[in-house]
Protein backbone atom coordinates (compact mmCIF):
# COMPACT_ATOMS: atom_id res chain seq x y z
CA MET A 1 -3.27 100.79 37.74
CA GLU A 2 -0.07 100.09 39.62
CA TRP A 3 1.94 97.09 38.41
CA TYR A 4 1.58 95.22 41.71
CA ASN A 5 -2.20 95.37 41.52
CA ARG A 6 -2.09 93.04 38.51
CA PHE A 7 -1.19 90.04 40.66
CA TYR A 8 -2.94 87.94 43.28
CA PRO A 9 -1.29 87.49 46.69
CA LYS A 10 0.61 84.21 47.06
CA GLU A 11 -1.52 81.28 48.12
CA LYS A 12 -1.72 77.53 47.74
CA TRP A 13 -3.03 76.11 44.46
CA VAL A 14 -5.01 72.86 44.53
CA LYS A 15 -5.43 70.24 41.82
CA LYS A 16 -8.98 69.06 41.23
CA SER A 17 -10.91 67.21 38.56
CA ALA A 18 -13.87 68.85 36.83
CA GLU A 19 -15.97 68.07 33.78
CA ILE A 20 -15.77 71.02 31.41
CA GLU A 21 -17.84 71.42 28.28
CA GLY A 22 -15.78 70.91 25.14
CA LYS A 23 -16.75 74.20 23.48
CA LEU A 24 -15.96 76.17 26.62
CA TYR A 25 -12.60 74.47 27.02
CA ASP A 26 -11.77 75.09 23.34
CA ARG A 27 -12.56 78.80 23.79
CA LEU A 28 -10.45 78.94 26.96
CA LYS A 29 -7.56 77.35 25.08
CA GLU A 30 -7.94 79.83 22.23
CA ILE A 31 -7.90 82.78 24.63
CA ALA A 32 -4.85 81.39 26.47
CA ASP A 33 -2.96 80.58 23.27
CA LYS A 34 -3.74 83.66 21.20
CA GLU A 35 -5.22 86.50 23.24
CA LEU A 36 -4.12 86.76 26.88
CA ASP A 37 -0.92 86.08 28.76
CA ALA A 38 -2.61 83.49 30.97
CA SER A 39 -3.00 79.74 31.22
CA VAL A 40 -6.33 77.93 30.93
CA ASN A 41 -6.14 77.21 34.68
CA LYS A 42 -5.61 80.86 35.53
CA ILE A 43 -8.51 81.91 33.31
CA ILE A 44 -10.78 79.33 34.98
CA ASP A 45 -9.62 80.55 38.39
CA ALA A 46 -10.30 84.19 37.43
CA CYS A 47 -13.76 83.36 36.02
CA VAL A 48 -14.76 81.55 39.22
CA ASP A 49 -13.25 84.29 41.40
CA ASP A 50 -15.22 86.95 39.48
CA PHE A 51 -18.45 84.89 39.40
CA LYS A 52 -21.29 86.04 41.62
CA MET A 53 -24.27 83.79 42.23
CA GLU A 54 -27.37 85.89 41.81
CA ALA A 55 -30.93 85.19 42.81
CA LYS A 56 -31.63 84.17 39.23
CA ILE A 57 -29.02 81.88 37.68
CA VAL A 58 -29.18 80.55 34.14
CA ILE A 59 -28.35 76.88 33.73
CA TYR A 60 -27.57 76.54 30.04
CA LYS A 61 -28.93 73.68 28.00
CA LYS A 62 -26.10 71.60 26.65
CA ASP A 63 -26.07 70.84 22.93
CA LYS A 64 -26.94 67.23 22.12
CA ASN A 65 -23.50 66.66 20.54
CA GLU A 66 -21.58 68.48 23.28
CA ILE A 67 -19.24 66.32 25.35
CA ASN A 68 -18.09 67.10 28.87
CA VAL A 69 -14.52 65.99 29.38
CA ALA A 70 -13.07 65.38 32.84
CA ARG A 71 -10.01 67.56 33.17
CA SER A 72 -7.50 68.18 35.91
CA ILE A 73 -7.51 71.83 36.81
CA ILE A 74 -5.39 73.80 39.22
CA ILE A 75 -7.08 76.67 41.05
CA ARG A 76 -6.33 78.77 44.09
CA GLU A 77 -7.42 77.26 47.38
CA SER A 78 -9.65 80.27 48.17
CA THR A 79 -11.36 79.88 44.79
CA TYR A 80 -12.06 76.21 45.48
CA LYS A 81 -13.47 77.10 48.92
CA LYS A 82 -15.80 79.56 47.19
CA LEU A 83 -16.98 76.75 44.89
CA GLU A 84 -17.59 74.44 47.87
CA GLU A 85 -19.62 77.13 49.64
CA MET A 86 -21.77 77.69 46.52
CA ARG A 87 -22.23 73.93 46.09
CA GLU A 88 -23.50 73.60 49.67
CA LYS A 89 -25.71 76.68 49.46
CA TYR A 90 -27.28 76.07 46.03
CA GLY A 91 -27.00 72.30 45.57
CA ILE A 92 -25.23 72.61 42.22
CA SER A 93 -22.21 70.43 41.47
CA ILE A 94 -18.77 72.00 41.39
CA SER A 95 -18.33 70.99 37.74
CA LYS A 96 -21.60 72.72 36.82
CA LEU A 97 -20.62 75.81 38.82
CA ILE A 98 -17.28 75.96 37.01
CA ASN A 99 -19.00 75.64 33.63
CA ILE A 100 -21.47 78.41 34.51
CA ALA A 101 -18.71 80.70 35.80
CA VAL A 102 -16.55 80.07 32.72
CA ARG A 103 -19.48 80.65 30.34
CA VAL A 104 -20.36 83.94 32.08
CA GLY A 105 -16.70 84.96 32.14
CA ILE A 106 -16.15 84.20 28.45
CA GLU A 107 -19.34 86.07 27.53
CA LYS A 108 -18.11 89.13 29.46
CA TYR A 109 -14.68 88.87 27.84
CA ASP A 110 -16.10 88.48 24.33
CA LYS A 111 -18.48 91.42 24.83
CA SER A 112 -15.56 93.59 25.97
CA LYS A 113 -13.80 92.80 22.67
CA VAL A 114 -16.73 93.76 20.41
CA THR A 115 -16.26 97.07 18.63
CA ILE A 116 -19.39 98.94 17.67
CA VAL A 117 -19.19 100.13 14.08
CA LYS A 118 -21.29 103.15 13.12
């Protein structure tokens, strides 16, 4: 991979508010602090950018003790437009879409880190 392929083209970033599940946010923070050279906002943006709505989507049941916290996030304008299009098409709130995309993204990331021991 060429070095310049590691970066997105310049574009406007927008500040929005979204309710993010506490456990997901904690995992995002852990990844940003200890594992990747990226901020929580950039990881959220990448998860949403990578997320593809499929014919069959899993809406996860939230634990009874789980708290959603409203957070200010900053994402690329094109990523937010993608969220708006999915919201209109599927009737799912932007906060829920972000949580689903982040959960799927974290699951993919964690699976990529698992080493199979024989």
